[in-house]
Protein backbone atom coordinates (compact mmCIF):
# COMPACT_ATOMS: atom_id res chain seq x y z
CA MET A 1 101.29 -64.70 33.76
CA VAL A 2 97.64 -63.77 34.43
CA SER A 3 95.30 -63.65 31.46
CA LYS A 4 93.55 -60.31 31.03
CA ASN A 5 90.17 -62.03 31.33
CA GLU A 6 91.08 -64.20 34.31
CA ASN A 7 89.42 -63.45 37.64
CA PHE A 8 90.07 -65.45 40.80
CA ALA A 9 89.73 -65.13 44.56
CA TYR A 10 92.82 -64.02 46.46
CA ALA A 11 94.60 -66.91 48.19
CA GLY A 12 97.82 -65.22 49.40
CA TRP A 13 98.89 -63.94 52.80
CA LYS A 14 95.97 -63.10 55.03
CA MET A 15 95.22 -63.09 58.73
CA ASN A 16 92.31 -62.24 60.99
CA GLY A 17 92.49 -58.51 61.54
CA PHE A 18 92.15 -58.66 65.31
CA LEU A 19 94.95 -61.21 65.63
CA ALA A 20 97.11 -59.06 63.37
CA LEU A 21 96.30 -56.03 65.49
CA LEU A 22 97.43 -57.90 68.60
CA LEU A 23 100.73 -58.78 66.91
CA ASN A 24 101.06 -55.19 65.72
CA LEU A 25 100.65 -53.88 69.26
CA THR A 26 103.14 -56.48 70.45
CA LEU A 27 105.70 -55.13 67.96
CA VAL A 28 105.08 -51.63 69.23
CA GLY A 29 105.55 -52.87 72.79
CA VAL A 30 108.80 -54.58 71.80
CA ALA A 31 110.02 -51.39 70.16
CA VAL A 32 109.25 -49.39 73.31
CA TRP A 33 110.96 -51.98 75.52
CA LEU A 34 114.06 -52.03 73.31
CA PHE A 35 114.19 -48.23 73.33
CA ILE A 36 114.05 -48.21 77.15
CA GLU A 37 116.81 -50.81 77.26
CA LEU A 38 118.84 -48.73 74.82
CA VAL A 39 118.53 -45.66 77.06
CA ASN A 40 119.47 -47.57 80.24
CA SER A 41 122.24 -49.74 78.84
CA ASP A 42 125.76 -48.84 77.85
CA GLU A 43 126.41 -52.20 76.24
CA PHE A 44 125.00 -53.55 72.98
CA GLY A 45 123.88 -50.03 72.05
CA GLY A 46 124.20 -50.62 68.33
CA LEU A 47 122.33 -53.89 68.54
CA LEU A 48 119.50 -52.40 70.58
CA PHE A 49 119.33 -49.39 68.27
CA ALA A 50 118.98 -51.68 65.25
CA GLY A 51 116.35 -53.73 67.08
CA VAL A 52 114.30 -50.61 67.82
CA TRP A 53 114.34 -49.56 64.19
CA VAL A 54 113.46 -53.07 62.97
CA ALA A 55 110.51 -53.30 65.37
CA VAL A 56 109.27 -49.79 64.47
CA ILE A 57 109.55 -50.37 60.72
CA ALA A 58 107.89 -53.80 61.02
CA ALA A 59 105.02 -52.27 63.03
CA ILE A 60 104.55 -49.47 60.48
CA ILE A 61 104.60 -51.86 57.53
CA MET A 62 102.22 -54.24 59.26
CA ALA A 63 99.84 -51.36 60.02
CA CYS A 64 99.41 -50.80 56.26
CA GLY A 65 97.88 -54.23 55.68
CA TYR A 66 94.50 -53.86 57.36
CA LYS A 67 91.41 -54.21 55.18
CA MET A 68 87.76 -54.13 56.18
CA LEU A 69 85.05 -55.40 53.81
CA GLU A 70 81.33 -54.96 54.16
CA PRO A 71 78.84 -57.37 52.53
CA ASN A 72 78.78 -57.10 48.73
CA GLU A 73 82.16 -55.40 48.51
CA ALA A 74 85.39 -56.58 46.89
CA ARG A 75 89.04 -55.56 46.70
CA VAL A 76 91.03 -56.09 43.52
CA LEU A 77 94.62 -56.71 44.69
CA LEU A 78 97.79 -55.72 42.85
CA PHE A 79 101.37 -56.51 43.76
CA PHE A 80 103.49 -53.78 42.19
CA GLY A 81 101.13 -53.66 39.20
CA ASN A 82 100.72 -57.43 38.94
CA TYR A 83 97.18 -58.76 39.48
CA ARG A 84 97.02 -61.18 42.42
CA GLY A 85 93.30 -61.87 42.74
CA THR A 86 90.14 -60.40 44.19
CA PHE A 87 89.36 -60.47 47.89
CA TYR A 88 85.67 -61.08 48.75
CA GLN A 89 85.69 -62.15 52.43
CA THR A 90 83.74 -59.74 54.60
CA GLY A 91 85.02 -58.59 57.97
CA PHE A 92 88.29 -57.24 59.37
CA TRP A 93 91.39 -58.74 57.74
CA TRP A 94 95.12 -58.25 57.40
CA LEU A 95 96.62 -58.80 53.96
CA ASN A 96 100.05 -58.46 52.45
CA PRO A 97 100.81 -54.76 53.11
CA PHE A 98 102.76 -54.42 49.86
CA MET A 99 99.59 -55.02 47.87
CA SER A 100 97.47 -52.16 46.65
CA ALA A 101 93.70 -52.68 46.76
CA LYS A 102 91.07 -51.19 44.46
CA LYS A 103 87.68 -51.07 46.13
CA LEU A 104 84.53 -52.14 44.27
CA SER A 105 80.88 -52.30 45.27
CA LEU A 106 78.96 -55.41 44.18
CA ARG A 107 75.61 -53.97 45.26
CA ALA A 108 72.74 -53.49 42.80
CA ARG A 109 72.26 -50.02 41.29
CA ASN A 110 69.43 -48.34 39.39
CA LEU A 111 69.79 -46.39 36.17
CA ASN A 112 66.98 -44.30 34.72
CA VAL A 113 67.64 -43.61 31.03
CA ASP A 114 65.88 -40.40 30.03
CA PRO A 115 63.52 -40.70 27.02
CA ILE A 116 65.32 -40.48 23.71
CA LYS A 117 63.99 -39.98 20.18
CA VAL A 118 64.34 -43.01 17.89
CA ASN A 119 62.60 -44.44 14.82
CA ASP A 120 60.55 -47.60 15.23
CA LYS A 121 60.46 -50.42 12.68
CA ALA A 122 57.91 -48.51 10.54
CA GLY A 123 60.06 -45.37 10.59
CA ASN A 124 57.84 -43.38 12.95
CA PRO A 125 59.73 -41.09 15.36
CA ILE A 126 58.96 -42.07 18.94
CA MET A 127 60.14 -41.17 22.44
CA ILE A 128 61.25 -44.14 24.53
CA GLY A 129 62.81 -44.44 27.99
CA LEU A 130 64.30 -47.24 30.06
CA VAL A 131 64.96 -48.12 33.70
CA LEU A 132 67.33 -50.93 34.62
CA VAL A 133 68.92 -52.61 37.64
CA TRP A 134 72.58 -53.60 37.28
CA LYS A 135 75.50 -54.82 39.38
CA ILE A 136 79.06 -56.02 39.03
CA LYS A 137 79.14 -59.82 38.86
CA ASN A 138 81.08 -61.70 41.53
CA ASP A 139 83.48 -62.94 38.87
CA GLY A 140 83.56 -59.60 37.04
CA ALA A 141 85.70 -57.49 39.38
CA TYR A 142 88.82 -57.80 37.20
CA LYS A 143 86.99 -56.67 34.07
CA ALA A 144 85.24 -53.83 35.90
CA VAL A 145 88.61 -52.40 36.97
CA PHE A 146 90.93 -53.17 34.06
CA GLU A 147 88.73 -53.50 30.95
CA ILE A 148 87.04 -50.08 31.19
CA ASP A 149 89.24 -47.00 30.84
CA ALA A 150 88.69 -43.78 32.76
CA PRO A 151 87.75 -40.63 30.83
CA ALA A 152 90.58 -38.22 30.11
CA GLU A 153 89.39 -35.62 32.60
CA VAL A 154 89.87 -38.05 35.52
CA GLY A 155 93.58 -38.49 34.81
CA GLY A 156 96.19 -40.35 36.84
CA MET A 157 96.60 -44.01 37.62
CA GLN A 158 94.92 -43.92 41.05
CA THR A 159 91.18 -43.34 41.12
CA SER A 160 88.88 -43.52 44.12
CA SER A 161 86.16 -46.14 44.43
CA THR A 162 83.51 -43.45 43.88
CA THR A 163 85.21 -42.27 40.68
CA ARG A 164 85.54 -45.86 39.48
CA MET A 165 81.83 -46.54 40.05
CA ASN A 166 80.99 -43.28 38.24
CA ILE A 167 83.06 -44.47 35.29
CA LEU A 168 81.09 -47.72 35.24
CA GLU A 169 77.77 -45.87 35.54
CA ASN A 170 78.73 -43.71 32.56
CA PHE A 171 79.65 -46.83 30.58
CA VAL A 172 76.31 -48.48 31.45
CA ALA A 173 74.41 -45.31 30.49
CA VAL A 174 76.07 -45.09 27.06
CA GLN A 175 75.56 -48.78 26.31
CA SER A 176 71.95 -48.60 27.53
CA ASP A 177 71.25 -45.76 25.13
CA SER A 178 72.73 -47.77 22.26
CA ALA A 179 70.86 -50.97 23.17
CA LEU A 180 67.57 -49.09 23.55
CA ARG A 181 67.94 -47.56 20.07
CA GLN A 182 68.67 -50.96 18.54
CA VAL A 183 65.76 -52.77 20.22
CA ALA A 184 63.31 -49.94 19.48
CA GLY A 185 64.19 -50.19 15.78
CA MET A 186 63.25 -53.89 15.73
CA TYR A 187 59.56 -53.36 16.60
CA ALA A 188 56.68 -51.20 15.46
CA TYR A 189 55.18 -48.76 17.95
CA ASP A 190 51.69 -50.30 17.93
CA GLU A 191 49.34 -52.46 15.86
CA ASN A 192 48.46 -49.56 13.55
CA SER A 193 52.05 -49.53 12.26
CA ASN A 194 52.27 -53.31 12.09
CA ALA A 195 50.44 -55.11 9.31
CA ASN A 196 51.89 -58.56 10.04
CA GLY A 197 50.51 -59.04 13.53
CA GLU A 198 53.99 -59.10 15.08
CA VAL A 199 54.86 -58.06 18.62
CA THR A 200 54.91 -54.28 19.10
CA LEU A 201 56.52 -51.98 21.64
CA ARG A 202 53.16 -51.25 23.24
CA SER A 203 51.95 -54.83 23.40
CA GLY A 204 55.27 -56.69 23.73
CA GLY A 205 55.54 -56.40 27.50
CA ASP A 206 57.83 -59.08 28.90
CA GLU A 207 59.19 -60.04 25.48
CA ILE A 208 60.49 -56.50 24.87
CA ASN A 209 61.94 -56.34 28.40
CA ASP A 210 63.66 -59.71 27.98
CA ARG A 211 65.10 -58.62 24.64
CA LEU A 212 66.44 -55.45 26.24
CA THR A 213 67.98 -57.40 29.12
CA ASP A 214 69.70 -59.85 26.76
CA GLU A 215 71.00 -57.03 24.56
CA LEU A 216 72.38 -55.12 27.55
CA ASN A 217 73.99 -58.20 29.09
CA GLU A 218 75.74 -58.91 25.81
CA ARG A 219 77.09 -55.35 25.61
CA LEU A 220 78.08 -55.05 29.28
CA ALA A 221 79.74 -58.46 29.63
CA MET A 222 83.09 -56.89 28.68
CA ALA A 223 82.90 -54.82 31.89
CA GLY A 224 81.91 -57.72 34.17
CA ILE A 225 78.45 -56.16 34.64
CA GLU A 226 75.18 -58.04 34.85
CA VAL A 227 71.77 -56.48 34.14
CA MET A 228 69.27 -57.99 36.56
CA GLU A 229 66.20 -56.26 35.12
CA ALA A 230 65.42 -53.83 32.29
CA ARG A 231 62.02 -52.31 31.56
CA LEU A 232 60.54 -49.62 29.36
CA ASN A 233 59.25 -46.80 31.55
CA TYR A 234 58.27 -44.29 28.86
CA LEU A 235 56.78 -44.76 25.40
CA ALA A 236 55.08 -42.13 23.24
CA TYR A 237 55.06 -40.70 19.74
CA ALA A 238 57.46 -37.84 19.12
CA PRO A 239 55.81 -34.39 19.52
CA GLU A 240 55.91 -33.60 15.78
CA ILE A 241 53.61 -36.51 14.90
CA ALA A 242 51.79 -37.03 18.19
CA ALA A 243 48.72 -34.96 17.18
CA ALA A 244 48.33 -36.73 13.83
CA MET A 245 48.75 -40.16 15.43
CA LEU A 246 46.20 -39.25 18.10
CA ARG A 247 43.65 -38.37 15.44
CA ARG A 248 44.36 -41.66 13.69
CA GLN A 249 43.90 -43.58 16.92
CA GLN A 250 40.64 -41.73 17.57
CA ALA A 251 39.44 -42.56 14.06
CA ASP A 252 40.35 -46.21 14.52
CA ALA A 253 38.50 -46.25 17.83
CA ILE A 254 35.40 -44.65 16.27
CA ILE A 255 35.43 -47.15 13.39
CA SER A 256 35.78 -50.05 15.78
CA ALA A 257 32.95 -48.74 17.94
CA ARG A 258 30.71 -48.23 14.89
CA GLU A 259 31.35 -51.77 13.76
CA LYS A 260 30.19 -53.07 17.12
CA ILE A 261 27.14 -50.81 17.10
CA VAL A 262 26.10 -51.88 13.59
CA GLU A 263 26.68 -55.54 14.42
CA GLY A 264 24.48 -55.24 17.48
CA ALA A 265 21.81 -53.22 15.66
CA VAL A 266 21.52 -55.77 12.84
CA SER A 267 21.19 -58.56 15.40
CA MET A 268 18.44 -56.66 17.26
CA VAL A 269 16.53 -55.89 14.07
CA LYS A 270 16.67 -59.54 13.07
CA ILE A 271 15.33 -60.61 16.44
CA ALA A 272 12.54 -58.01 16.27
CA LEU A 273 11.38 -59.16 12.83
CA GLU A 274 11.46 -62.81 13.86
CA ARG A 275 9.46 -62.12 17.04
CA LEU A 276 6.84 -60.07 15.16
CA SER A 277 6.46 -62.86 12.63
CA THR A 278 6.50 -65.73 15.13
CA GLU A 279 4.02 -64.19 17.55
CA GLU A 280 1.85 -62.87 14.66
CA VAL A 281 1.80 -59.36 16.05
CA VAL A 282 1.55 -57.79 12.62
CA GLU A 283 1.86 -58.91 9.00
CA LEU A 284 4.46 -56.92 7.07
CA ASP A 285 5.15 -57.07 3.38
CA GLU A 286 8.67 -56.68 2.03
CA GLU A 287 8.34 -52.94 1.54
CA ARG A 288 7.16 -52.38 5.13
CA LYS A 289 9.89 -54.68 6.45
CA ALA A 290 12.50 -52.60 4.63
CA ALA A 291 11.04 -49.41 6.08
CA MET A 292 11.01 -50.90 9.58
CA VAL A 293 14.59 -52.09 9.24
CA SER A 294 15.64 -48.62 8.12
CA ASN A 295 13.87 -46.93 11.02
CA LEU A 296 15.28 -49.36 13.60
CA LEU A 297 18.84 -48.97 12.30
CA VAL A 298 18.49 -45.19 12.46
CA VAL A 299 17.31 -45.40 16.06
CA LEU A 300 19.92 -47.93 17.16
CA CYS A 301 22.91 -46.46 15.32
CA ALA A 302 22.28 -42.75 15.82
CA ASP A 303 24.61 -40.75 18.07
CA GLU A 304 21.64 -38.89 19.55
CA ALA A 305 18.31 -40.14 20.83
CA ALA A 306 15.71 -40.45 18.07
CA GLN A 307 12.51 -38.33 18.27
CA PRO A 308 9.50 -40.69 18.07
CA VAL A 309 6.56 -39.88 15.78
CA VAL A 310 3.20 -41.40 16.76
CA ASN A 311 1.13 -42.55 13.81
CA THR A 312 -2.57 -42.17 14.72
CA GLY A 313 -3.83 -43.32 11.34
CA THR A 314 -3.56 -46.66 9.62
CA LEU A 315 -0.34 -48.46 8.98
CA HIS A 316 -0.32 -47.23 5.37
CA ASN A 317 -1.06 -43.57 6.11
């Protein structure tokens, strides 16, 4: 009895396809020769007739056993509903003709998950999208065929390889949506929504992508699917709060810029006062120093260029 999670390479009857084709043609030739002998002979008619039918039936049955595999393809083999292994060897082969084969592609595929609306860790509605690269694992062919059920509209026990891959793509899309919602809810959108200095969706980069990949691999393991890469490809606030969040970001940027401007202005004023005092350019009392500091800060911190006023009188006029 084969366990439902067991996957192994097929090790039953197999033969090089070209050698099998030669034997197949030989059987056809034997059938033709026996038929000619049957027509020309009055003796052993029943024996020759039986021989013709045996050769014809054997040739027809043998002709049903040819399989051709391209690189990164597999055939899941069943013997009257009983799993007999997965065939991975590329090329032209002849296998037991009484086995049915379900074709699978092991090539990598892309999936672009359209942006969905979720709430981040701080509860802000955001739009987030995902792109991933996935494939069926070499040891996951059994699960890919027998662990994932077809939707009701497909119907029937026999499905084509294209339909089967579409079923898997739909499964990956649904699980990707679920994983993306879960991961997005673990992180804040940006630093403005994160008071603890933790990783955010905007700044997380590789950490967020690795978390997504691990989450998807855990969910898709039941289908024998491996996610090779997963990355966020879209991230923005939801439309209903985007304008308010933009204004907040602009305010934060203005405050940050002002802090830098004031820090630089204070440093420049300090240097100016020290140079005036060191080089004895002018002697200023505390009142005049305060006035000079005020004027310099206005000039250095103003959004517009200051209009100079030339004093033609004394310093105290």
